[in-house]
Amino acid sequence: VTRNDIDILRDKGDQDNRHKTIARMLHNAGPVFRLGKERGLMADNVLDTASSDTFKQDARRDFLPPDQVDKMLDLSTLDWSDNQAVRDRLVVLLLYDLAVRRSELAGMNLDDVTEVDGQYEIRLRPEVQKNVKPLKRLFVYFPATRDVLRHYLTHIRGSSPGKLILDRRGKAASAAAIE
């Protein structure tokens, strides 16, 4: 990926009023490019100077350092018998993997999750998104997220309708609780 590729992608984003979606994709891809640069896989983070009209240029986002990302993805440290630990790891993995806000995760329902051939698709409904954007279909990327999600759905969450993430009392977890 070069800076020219980014510019071309952003230019195409103006068609069909998709520039905000493209800008969010660029914003969410930043940590991946940063990680690639830190690990010596890329010579330069091409998103360092990419501008966006959907968030302030001075807006800073805190990201997990690479060693913390590795710990999060390492399931050998997870106590699968501790339901709260599994749920908490799932929350962190979903936030990272899907690049969603905590309020968006809190708004997801169990029926928003679909499994097809061992892969998960999660529907992000307009009403749970900031500024009510169109329906999005997100795909679980990391195998660790898929494995923890499968365990959570099979052994912890159950099939009763309602929110995807539940708190310790079995009630819908709020955005504040997810934080």
Foldseek 3Di string as FASTA:
>chain_A
DALVVLVVLLVVCPPPVNNVVSVLVLVLCQVVLVQCCVVVNDVDSSSPPDDHPPDDPPDDDDDDPPVVVVVLLDCVPQDLVDLVSLLLSLLVLCCSQQVDALQQLLPFKPVQWDDDPLWIKGWRAQVSDVPRDHIDITTRDRPSNSVSLVSCDPPNLDDDIDHPRADPVRHRDHSVNSD
